Amino acid sequence: MTLVESLAILVDLEAKYPTLALLLTEAKALGIVRMVEMVGLIELLPAMFPLTGQILGVPGDTAEKLEQSKQQIAAVLSFFEELLADDSLRDSSARAD
């Protein structure tokens, strides 16, 4: 199962069973959840492709491209760490907690 499929299933379950919220219901917190989803899909996933290819032994990417991928991944993970360190996000809860 891919990340995209997992997100689609979560959205589908949320729509079918709204009384037991799996996602946060506070607007700001839900916005942050959606932002993390998009950053993961748009920024993190594409940066992982060259490194995955290298691990699998697929030729083609230059050392410069691999270094750019590593830097992009580090930036995204740093952003995620900052969000996790934000105490204001801990006040919200959902059924998935």
PDB file of N, CA and C in Angstrom:
ATOM      1  N   MET A   1       0.848  -1.175   0.000  1.00  0.00           N
ATOM      2  CA  MET A   1       0.000   0.000   0.000  1.00  0.00           C
ATOM      3  C   MET A   1       0.896   1.241   0.000  1.00  0.00           C
ATOM      4  N   THR A   2       0.546   2.196  -0.816  1.00  0.00           N
ATOM      5  CA  THR A   2       1.338   3.418  -0.911  1.00  0.00           C
ATOM      6  C   THR A   2       0.804   4.487   0.033  1.00  0.00           C
ATOM      7  N   LEU A   3       1.601   5.524   0.189  1.00  0.00           N
ATOM      8  CA  LEU A   3       1.194   6.653   1.024  1.00  0.00           C
ATOM      9  C   LEU A   3      -0.078   7.295   0.481  1.00  0.00           C
ATOM     10  N   VAL A   4      -0.149   7.434  -0.829  1.00  0.00           N
ATOM     11  CA  VAL A   4      -1.326   8.048  -1.452  1.00  0.00           C
ATOM     12  C   VAL A   4      -2.570   7.209  -1.167  1.00  0.00           C
ATOM     13  N   GLU A   5      -2.444   5.887  -1.276  1.00  0.00           N
ATOM     14  CA  GLU A   5      -3.587   5.012  -0.993  1.00  0.00           C
ATOM     15  C   GLU A   5      -3.997   5.104   0.475  1.00  0.00           C
ATOM     16  N   SER A   6      -3.023   5.176   1.366  1.00  0.00           N
ATOM     17  CA  SER A   6      -3.323   5.294   2.794  1.00  0.00           C
ATOM     18  C   SER A   6      -4.079   6.581   3.095  1.00  0.00           C
ATOM     19  N   LEU A   7      -3.649   7.673   2.480  1.00  0.00           N
ATOM     20  CA  LEU A   7      -4.336   8.949   2.680  1.00  0.00           C
ATOM     21  C   LEU A   7      -5.753   8.896   2.124  1.00  0.00           C
ATOM     22  N   ALA A   8      -5.915   8.259   0.972  1.00  0.00           N
ATOM     23  CA  ALA A   8      -7.242   8.144   0.368  1.00  0.00           C
ATOM     24  C   ALA A   8      -8.171   7.321   1.254  1.00  0.00           C
ATOM     25  N   ILE A   9      -7.665   6.250   1.833  1.00  0.00           N
ATOM     26  CA  ILE A   9      -8.474   5.420   2.724  1.00  0.00           C
ATOM     27  C   ILE A   9      -8.877   6.211   3.963  1.00  0.00           C
ATOM     28  N   LEU A  10      -7.949   6.968   4.520  1.00  0.00           N
ATOM     29  CA  LEU A  10      -8.247   7.777   5.704  1.00  0.00           C
ATOM     30  C   LEU A  10      -9.337   8.806   5.412  1.00  0.00           C
ATOM     31  N   VAL A  11      -9.242   9.478   4.279  1.00  0.00           N
ATOM     32  CA  VAL A  11     -10.255  10.469   3.894  1.00  0.00           C
ATOM     33  C   VAL A  11     -11.608   9.789   3.682  1.00  0.00           C
ATOM     34  N   ASP A  12     -11.603   8.612   3.050  1.00  0.00           N
ATOM     35  CA  ASP A  12     -12.840   7.870   2.818  1.00  0.00           C
ATOM     36  C   ASP A  12     -13.497   7.460   4.139  1.00  0.00           C
ATOM     37  N   LEU A  13     -12.715   6.928   5.064  1.00  0.00           N
ATOM     38  CA  LEU A  13     -13.259   6.543   6.373  1.00  0.00           C
ATOM     39  C   LEU A  13     -13.799   7.746   7.134  1.00  0.00           C
ATOM     40  N   GLU A  14     -13.095   8.853   7.031  1.00  0.00           N
ATOM     41  CA  GLU A  14     -13.528  10.081   7.707  1.00  0.00           C
ATOM     42  C   GLU A  14     -14.881  10.548   7.163  1.00  0.00           C
ATOM     43  N   ALA A  15     -15.077  10.420   5.849  1.00  0.00           N
ATOM     44  CA  ALA A  15     -16.341  10.834   5.236  1.00  0.00           C
ATOM     45  C   ALA A  15     -17.482   9.874   5.599  1.00  0.00           C
ATOM     46  N   LYS A  16     -17.191   8.580   5.659  1.00  0.00           N
ATOM     47  CA  LYS A  16     -18.229   7.591   5.960  1.00  0.00           C
ATOM     48  C   LYS A  16     -18.636   7.591   7.426  1.00  0.00           C
ATOM     49  N   TYR A  17     -17.686   7.842   8.313  1.00  0.00           N
ATOM     50  CA  TYR A  17     -17.942   7.758   9.752  1.00  0.00           C
ATOM     51  C   TYR A  17     -17.498   9.040  10.454  1.00  0.00           C
ATOM     52  N   PRO A  18     -18.218  10.133  10.235  1.00  0.00           N
ATOM     53  CA  PRO A  18     -17.785  11.420  10.792  1.00  0.00           C
ATOM     54  C   PRO A  18     -17.944  11.544  12.308  1.00  0.00           C
ATOM     55  N   THR A  19     -18.756  10.683  12.923  1.00  0.00           N
ATOM     56  CA  THR A  19     -18.975  10.824  14.363  1.00  0.00           C
ATOM     57  C   THR A  19     -17.782  10.360  15.194  1.00  0.00           C
ATOM     58  N   LEU A  20     -16.971   9.495  14.673  1.00  0.00           N
ATOM     59  CA  LEU A  20     -15.734   9.085  15.341  1.00  0.00           C
ATOM     60  C   LEU A  20     -14.566   9.632  14.526  1.00  0.00           C
ATOM     61  N   ALA A  21     -14.258  10.881  14.746  1.00  0.00           N
ATOM     62  CA  ALA A  21     -13.252  11.563  13.929  1.00  0.00           C
ATOM     63  C   ALA A  21     -11.888  10.894  14.039  1.00  0.00           C
ATOM     64  N   LEU A  22     -11.327  10.533  12.893  1.00  0.00           N
ATOM     65  CA  LEU A  22      -9.968  10.003  12.857  1.00  0.00           C
ATOM     66  C   LEU A  22      -8.962  11.139  12.747  1.00  0.00           C
ATOM     67  N   LEU A  23      -9.393  12.195  12.099  1.00  0.00           N
ATOM     68  CA  LEU A  23      -8.542  13.369  11.953  1.00  0.00           C
ATOM     69  C   LEU A  23      -8.973  14.431  12.951  1.00  0.00           C
ATOM     70  N   LEU A  24      -8.128  15.389  13.129  1.00  0.00           N
ATOM     71  CA  LEU A  24      -8.440  16.501  14.021  1.00  0.00           C
ATOM     72  C   LEU A  24      -9.585  17.318  13.439  1.00  0.00           C
ATOM     73  N   THR A  25     -10.387  17.915  14.297  1.00  0.00           N
ATOM     74  CA  THR A  25     -11.525  18.695  13.820  1.00  0.00           C
ATOM     75  C   THR A  25     -11.288  20.194  13.920  1.00  0.00           C
ATOM     76  N   GLU A  26     -10.333  20.621  14.714  1.00  0.00           N
ATOM     77  CA  GLU A  26     -10.008  22.041  14.819  1.00  0.00           C
ATOM     78  C   GLU A  26      -9.391  22.490  13.493  1.00  0.00           C
ATOM     79  N   ALA A  27      -9.843  23.619  12.980  1.00  0.00           N
ATOM     80  CA  ALA A  27      -9.433  24.079  11.649  1.00  0.00           C
ATOM     81  C   ALA A  27      -7.918  24.219  11.514  1.00  0.00           C
ATOM     82  N   LYS A  28      -7.274  24.862  12.470  1.00  0.00           N
ATOM     83  CA  LYS A  28      -5.822  25.067  12.383  1.00  0.00           C
ATOM     84  C   LYS A  28      -5.081  23.732  12.396  1.00  0.00           C
ATOM     85  N   ALA A  29      -5.461  22.843  13.298  1.00  0.00           N
ATOM     86  CA  ALA A  29      -4.790  21.549  13.407  1.00  0.00           C
ATOM     87  C   ALA A  29      -5.001  20.707  12.151  1.00  0.00           C
ATOM     88  N   LEU A  30      -6.221  20.722  11.614  1.00  0.00           N
ATOM     89  CA  LEU A  30      -6.493  19.971  10.391  1.00  0.00           C
ATOM     90  C   LEU A  30      -5.700  20.547   9.223  1.00  0.00           C
ATOM     91  N   GLY A  31      -5.570  21.860   9.181  1.00  0.00           N
ATOM     92  CA  GLY A  31      -4.756  22.492   8.146  1.00  0.00           C
ATOM     93  C   GLY A  31      -3.306  22.051   8.219  1.00  0.00           C
ATOM     94  N   ILE A  32      -2.794  21.917   9.429  1.00  0.00           N
ATOM     95  CA  ILE A  32      -1.413  21.464   9.600  1.00  0.00           C
ATOM     96  C   ILE A  32      -1.269  20.009   9.153  1.00  0.00           C
ATOM     97  N   VAL A  33      -2.259  19.178   9.470  1.00  0.00           N
ATOM     98  CA  VAL A  33      -2.232  17.784   9.024  1.00  0.00           C
ATOM     99  C   VAL A  33      -2.191  17.722   7.505  1.00  0.00           C
ATOM    100  N   ARG A  34      -3.046  18.498   6.859  1.00  0.00           N
ATOM    101  CA  ARG A  34      -3.073  18.504   5.389  1.00  0.00           C
ATOM    102  C   ARG A  34      -1.757  19.030   4.814  1.00  0.00           C
ATOM    103  N   MET A  35      -1.173  20.038   5.467  1.00  0.00           N
ATOM    104  CA  MET A  35       0.103  20.580   5.012  1.00  0.00           C
ATOM    105  C   MET A  35       1.190  19.506   5.091  1.00  0.00           C
ATOM    106  N   VAL A  36       1.219  18.753   6.180  1.00  0.00           N
ATOM    107  CA  VAL A  36       2.211  17.687   6.332  1.00  0.00           C
ATOM    108  C   VAL A  36       2.016  16.630   5.248  1.00  0.00           C
ATOM    109  N   GLU A  37       0.770  16.288   4.959  1.00  0.00           N
ATOM    110  CA  GLU A  37       0.495  15.334   3.880  1.00  0.00           C
ATOM    111  C   GLU A  37       1.067  15.829   2.557  1.00  0.00           C
ATOM    112  N   MET A  38       0.789  17.084   2.238  1.00  0.00           N
ATOM    113  CA  MET A  38       1.241  17.633   0.964  1.00  0.00           C
ATOM    114  C   MET A  38       2.765  17.763   0.898  1.00  0.00           C
ATOM    115  N   VAL A  39       3.381  18.193   1.973  1.00  0.00           N
ATOM    116  CA  VAL A  39       4.848  18.297   1.992  1.00  0.00           C
ATOM    117  C   VAL A  39       5.456  16.911   1.788  1.00  0.00           C
ATOM    118  N   GLY A  40       4.863  15.911   2.417  1.00  0.00           N
ATOM    119  CA  GLY A  40       5.353  14.549   2.235  1.00  0.00           C
ATOM    120  C   GLY A  40       5.242  14.080   0.797  1.00  0.00           C
ATOM    121  N   LEU A  41       4.123  14.389   0.165  1.00  0.00           N
ATOM    122  CA  LEU A  41       3.909  13.953  -1.216  1.00  0.00           C
ATOM    123  C   LEU A  41       4.680  14.778  -2.237  1.00  0.00           C
ATOM    124  N   ILE A  42       4.734  16.085  -2.029  1.00  0.00           N
ATOM    125  CA  ILE A  42       5.312  16.972  -3.041  1.00  0.00           C
ATOM    126  C   ILE A  42       6.816  17.168  -2.866  1.00  0.00           C
ATOM    127  N   GLU A  43       7.281  17.206  -1.624  1.00  0.00           N
ATOM    128  CA  GLU A  43       8.691  17.504  -1.367  1.00  0.00           C
ATOM    129  C   GLU A  43       9.519  16.268  -1.013  1.00  0.00           C
ATOM    130  N   LEU A  44       8.996  15.430  -0.129  1.00  0.00           N
ATOM    131  CA  LEU A  44       9.786  14.309   0.380  1.00  0.00           C
ATOM    132  C   LEU A  44       9.847  13.141  -0.598  1.00  0.00           C
ATOM    133  N   LEU A  45       8.705  12.710  -1.081  1.00  0.00           N
ATOM    134  CA  LEU A  45       8.659  11.536  -1.948  1.00  0.00           C
ATOM    135  C   LEU A  45       9.526  11.675  -3.199  1.00  0.00           C
ATOM    136  N   PRO A  46       9.425  12.769  -3.964  1.00  0.00           N
ATOM    137  CA  PRO A  46      10.285  12.900  -5.144  1.00  0.00           C
ATOM    138  C   PRO A  46      11.779  12.932  -4.804  1.00  0.00           C
ATOM    139  N   ALA A  47      12.127  13.499  -3.662  1.00  0.00           N
ATOM    140  CA  ALA A  47      13.538  13.556  -3.268  1.00  0.00           C
ATOM    141  C   ALA A  47      14.077  12.172  -2.931  1.00  0.00           C
ATOM    142  N   MET A  48      13.197  11.258  -2.570  1.00  0.00           N
ATOM    143  CA  MET A  48      13.635   9.912  -2.208  1.00  0.00           C
ATOM    144  C   MET A  48      13.918   9.026  -3.420  1.00  0.00           C
ATOM    145  N   PHE A  49      13.356   9.348  -4.576  1.00  0.00           N
ATOM    146  CA  PHE A  49      13.520   8.501  -5.756  1.00  0.00           C
ATOM    147  C   PHE A  49      14.980   8.277  -6.152  1.00  0.00           C
ATOM    148  N   PRO A  50      15.812   9.331  -6.263  1.00  0.00           N
ATOM    149  CA  PRO A  50      17.207   9.088  -6.637  1.00  0.00           C
ATOM    150  C   PRO A  50      17.948   8.201  -5.632  1.00  0.00           C
ATOM    151  N   LEU A  51      17.680   8.381  -4.353  1.00  0.00           N
ATOM    152  CA  LEU A  51      18.350   7.559  -3.343  1.00  0.00           C
ATOM    153  C   LEU A  51      17.863   6.115  -3.390  1.00  0.00           C
ATOM    154  N   THR A  52      16.580   5.935  -3.652  1.00  0.00           N
ATOM    155  CA  THR A  52      16.040   4.584  -3.792  1.00  0.00           C
ATOM    156  C   THR A  52      16.677   3.892  -4.989  1.00  0.00           C
ATOM    157  N   GLY A  53      16.823   4.635  -6.082  1.00  0.00           N
ATOM    158  CA  GLY A  53      17.484   4.080  -7.261  1.00  0.00           C
ATOM    159  C   GLY A  53      18.916   3.673  -6.973  1.00  0.00           C
ATOM    160  N   GLN A  54      19.620   4.484  -6.217  1.00  0.00           N
ATOM    161  CA  GLN A  54      21.003   4.169  -5.859  1.00  0.00           C
ATOM    162  C   GLN A  54      21.058   2.896  -5.014  1.00  0.00           C
ATOM    163  N   ILE A  55      20.163   2.784  -4.047  1.00  0.00           N
ATOM    164  CA  ILE A  55      20.132   1.594  -3.187  1.00  0.00           C
ATOM    165  C   ILE A  55      19.854   0.339  -4.009  1.00  0.00           C
ATOM    166  N   LEU A  56      18.980   0.468  -5.005  1.00  0.00           N
ATOM    167  CA  LEU A  56      18.626  -0.672  -5.851  1.00  0.00           C
ATOM    168  C   LEU A  56      19.637  -0.919  -6.960  1.00  0.00           C
ATOM    169  N   GLY A  57      20.629  -0.047  -7.078  1.00  0.00           N
ATOM    170  CA  GLY A  57      21.665  -0.217  -8.088  1.00  0.00           C
ATOM    171  C   GLY A  57      21.275   0.259  -9.470  1.00  0.00           C
ATOM    172  N   VAL A  58      20.291   1.138  -9.551  1.00  0.00           N
ATOM    173  CA  VAL A  58      19.861   1.683 -10.839  1.00  0.00           C
ATOM    174  C   VAL A  58      20.802   2.827 -11.212  1.00  0.00           C
ATOM    175  N   PRO A  59      21.487   2.709 -12.339  1.00  0.00           N
ATOM    176  CA  PRO A  59      22.417   3.778 -12.728  1.00  0.00           C
ATOM    177  C   PRO A  59      21.671   4.992 -13.274  1.00  0.00           C
ATOM    178  N   GLY A  60      22.359   6.123 -13.293  1.00  0.00           N
ATOM    179  CA  GLY A  60      21.771   7.281 -13.946  1.00  0.00           C
ATOM    180  C   GLY A  60      21.888   8.578 -13.195  1.00  0.00           C
ATOM    181  N   ASP A  61      21.752   8.578 -11.892  1.00  0.00           N
ATOM    182  CA  ASP A  61      21.815   9.827 -11.146  1.00  0.00           C
ATOM    183  C   ASP A  61      23.255  10.179 -10.802  1.00  0.00           C
ATOM    184  N   THR A  62      23.567  11.451 -10.956  1.00  0.00           N
ATOM    185  CA  THR A  62      24.909  11.937 -10.653  1.00  0.00           C
ATOM    186  C   THR A  62      25.076  12.126  -9.147  1.00  0.00           C
ATOM    187  N   ALA A  63      26.322  12.261  -8.731  1.00  0.00           N
ATOM    188  CA  ALA A  63      26.611  12.513  -7.316  1.00  0.00           C
ATOM    189  C   ALA A  63      25.964  13.825  -6.871  1.00  0.00           C
ATOM    190  N   GLU A  64      25.929  14.800  -7.778  1.00  0.00           N
ATOM    191  CA  GLU A  64      25.308  16.091  -7.461  1.00  0.00           C
ATOM    192  C   GLU A  64      23.804  15.928  -7.218  1.00  0.00           C
ATOM    193  N   LYS A  65      23.147  15.145  -8.056  1.00  0.00           N
ATOM    194  CA  LYS A  65      21.709  14.902  -7.904  1.00  0.00           C
ATOM    195  C   LYS A  65      21.421  14.165  -6.597  1.00  0.00           C
ATOM    196  N   LEU A  66      22.259  13.200  -6.256  1.00  0.00           N
ATOM    197  CA  LEU A  66      22.082  12.467  -5.008  1.00  0.00           C
ATOM    198  C   LEU A  66      22.263  13.381  -3.805  1.00  0.00           C
ATOM    199  N   GLU A  67      23.238  14.284  -3.876  1.00  0.00           N
ATOM    200  CA  GLU A  67      23.468  15.229  -2.783  1.00  0.00           C
ATOM    201  C   GLU A  67      22.288  16.189  -2.644  1.00  0.00           C
ATOM    202  N   GLN A  68      21.736  16.646  -3.766  1.00  0.00           N
ATOM    203  CA  GLN A  68      20.554  17.513  -3.720  1.00  0.00           C
ATOM    204  C   GLN A  68      19.377  16.789  -3.066  1.00  0.00           C
ATOM    205  N   SER A  69      19.226  15.519  -3.390  1.00  0.00           N
ATOM    206  CA  SER A  69      18.151  14.725  -2.794  1.00  0.00           C
ATOM    207  C   SER A  69      18.329  14.615  -1.285  1.00  0.00           C
ATOM    208  N   LYS A  70      19.557  14.356  -0.855  1.00  0.00           N
ATOM    209  CA  LYS A  70      19.833  14.251   0.583  1.00  0.00           C
ATOM    210  C   LYS A  70      19.533  15.564   1.295  1.00  0.00           C
ATOM    211  N   GLN A  71      19.906  16.672   0.678  1.00  0.00           N
ATOM    212  CA  GLN A  71      19.647  17.980   1.281  1.00  0.00           C
ATOM    213  C   GLN A  71      18.148  18.265   1.362  1.00  0.00           C
ATOM    214  N   GLN A  72      17.418  17.907   0.313  1.00  0.00           N
ATOM    215  CA  GLN A  72      15.964  18.113   0.305  1.00  0.00           C
ATOM    216  C   GLN A  72      15.294  17.271   1.387  1.00  0.00           C
ATOM    217  N   ILE A  73      15.708  16.024   1.508  1.00  0.00           N
ATOM    218  CA  ILE A  73      15.146  15.138   2.533  1.00  0.00           C
ATOM    219  C   ILE A  73      15.444  15.686   3.919  1.00  0.00           C
ATOM    220  N   ALA A  74      16.672  16.133   4.136  1.00  0.00           N
ATOM    221  CA  ALA A  74      17.052  16.694   5.439  1.00  0.00           C
ATOM    222  C   ALA A  74      16.214  17.927   5.770  1.00  0.00           C
ATOM    223  N   ALA A  75      15.951  18.765   4.775  1.00  0.00           N
ATOM    224  CA  ALA A  75      15.149  19.972   4.999  1.00  0.00           C
ATOM    225  C   ALA A  75      13.715  19.611   5.380  1.00  0.00           C
ATOM    226  N   VAL A  76      13.137  18.642   4.690  1.00  0.00           N
ATOM    227  CA  VAL A  76      11.761  18.227   4.987  1.00  0.00           C
ATOM    228  C   VAL A  76      11.682  17.599   6.378  1.00  0.00           C
ATOM    229  N   LEU A  77      12.626  16.731   6.701  1.00  0.00           N
ATOM    230  CA  LEU A  77      12.610  16.095   8.017  1.00  0.00           C
ATOM    231  C   LEU A  77      12.820  17.116   9.131  1.00  0.00           C
ATOM    232  N   SER A  78      13.642  18.112   8.873  1.00  0.00           N
ATOM    233  CA  SER A  78      13.839  19.190   9.848  1.00  0.00           C
ATOM    234  C   SER A  78      12.530  19.954  10.060  1.00  0.00           C
ATOM    235  N   PHE A  79      11.813  20.212   8.980  1.00  0.00           N
ATOM    236  CA  PHE A  79      10.511  20.877   9.065  1.00  0.00           C
ATOM    237  C   PHE A  79       9.535  20.041   9.897  1.00  0.00           C
ATOM    238  N   PHE A  80       9.505  18.730   9.651  1.00  0.00           N
ATOM    239  CA  PHE A  80       8.637  17.844  10.426  1.00  0.00           C
ATOM    240  C   PHE A  80       9.020  17.858  11.907  1.00  0.00           C
ATOM    241  N   GLU A  81      10.313  17.858  12.195  1.00  0.00           N
ATOM    242  CA  GLU A  81      10.770  17.908  13.590  1.00  0.00           C
ATOM    243  C   GLU A  81      10.307  19.190  14.279  1.00  0.00           C
ATOM    244  N   GLU A  82      10.373  20.300  13.556  1.00  0.00           N
ATOM    245  CA  GLU A  82       9.914  21.573  14.123  1.00  0.00           C
ATOM    246  C   GLU A  82       8.424  21.517  14.450  1.00  0.00           C
ATOM    247  N   LEU A  83       7.648  20.909  13.564  1.00  0.00           N
ATOM    248  CA  LEU A  83       6.212  20.776  13.826  1.00  0.00           C
ATOM    249  C   LEU A  83       5.957  19.891  15.045  1.00  0.00           C
ATOM    250  N   LEU A  84       6.706  18.812  15.155  1.00  0.00           N
ATOM    251  CA  LEU A  84       6.528  17.918  16.301  1.00  0.00           C
ATOM    252  C   LEU A  84       6.921  18.584  17.612  1.00  0.00           C
ATOM    253  N   ALA A  85       7.864  19.500  17.554  1.00  0.00           N
ATOM    254  CA  ALA A  85       8.316  20.193  18.761  1.00  0.00           C
ATOM    255  C   ALA A  85       7.357  21.300  19.194  1.00  0.00           C
ATOM    256  N   ASP A  86       6.437  21.673  18.314  1.00  0.00           N
ATOM    257  CA  ASP A  86       5.492  22.752  18.602  1.00  0.00           C
ATOM    258  C   ASP A  86       4.449  22.274  19.615  1.00  0.00           C
ATOM    259  N   ASP A  87       4.530  22.784  20.830  1.00  0.00           N
ATOM    260  CA  ASP A  87       3.621  22.362  21.896  1.00  0.00           C
ATOM    261  C   ASP A  87       2.169  22.733  21.642  1.00  0.00           C
ATOM    262  N   SER A  88       1.911  23.748  20.837  1.00  0.00           N
ATOM    263  CA  SER A  88       0.525  24.158  20.596  1.00  0.00           C
ATOM    264  C   SER A  88      -0.258  23.088  19.843  1.00  0.00           C
ATOM    265  N   LEU A  89       0.437  22.195  19.148  1.00  0.00           N
ATOM    266  CA  LEU A  89      -0.248  21.132  18.415  1.00  0.00           C
ATOM    267  C   LEU A  89      -0.678  19.997  19.333  1.00  0.00           C
ATOM    268  N   ARG A  90      -0.131  19.921  20.504  1.00  0.00           N
ATOM    269  CA  ARG A  90      -0.436  18.826  21.424  1.00  0.00           C
ATOM    270  C   ARG A  90      -1.801  18.983  22.093  1.00  0.00           C
ATOM    271  N   ASP A  91      -2.406  20.143  21.989  1.00  0.00           N
ATOM    272  CA  ASP A  91      -3.689  20.391  22.642  1.00  0.00           C
ATOM    273  C   ASP A  91      -4.854  19.726  21.923  1.00  0.00           C
ATOM    274  N   SER A  92      -4.687  19.404  20.650  1.00  0.00           N
ATOM    275  CA  SER A  92      -5.761  18.808  19.867  1.00  0.00           C
ATOM    276  C   SER A  92      -5.669  17.289  19.939  1.00  0.00           C
ATOM    277  N   SER A  93      -6.815  16.641  19.822  1.00  0.00           N
ATOM    278  CA  SER A  93      -6.805  15.184  19.796  1.00  0.00           C
ATOM    279  C   SER A  93      -7.877  14.689  18.841  1.00  0.00           C
ATOM    280  N   ALA A  94      -7.687  13.458  18.386  1.00  0.00           N
ATOM    281  CA  ALA A  94      -8.639  12.815  17.490  1.00  0.00           C
ATOM    282  C   ALA A  94      -8.747  11.355  17.902  1.00  0.00           C
ATOM    283  N   ARG A  95      -9.650  10.640  17.293  1.00  0.00           N
ATOM    284  CA  ARG A  95      -9.863   9.224  17.609  1.00  0.00           C
ATOM    285  C   ARG A  95      -8.593   8.416  17.360  1.00  0.00           C
ATOM    286  N   ALA A  96      -7.818   8.794  16.353  1.00  0.00           N
ATOM    287  CA  ALA A  96      -6.592   8.073  16.017  1.00  0.00           C
ATOM    288  C   ALA A  96      -5.543   8.195  17.111  1.00  0.00           C
ATOM    289  N   ASP A  97      -5.684   9.173  18.007  1.00  0.00           N
ATOM    290  CA  ASP A  97      -4.740   9.318  19.116  1.00  0.00           C
ATOM    291  C   ASP A  97      -4.954   8.184  20.075  1.00  0.00           C
TER     292      ASP A  97
END
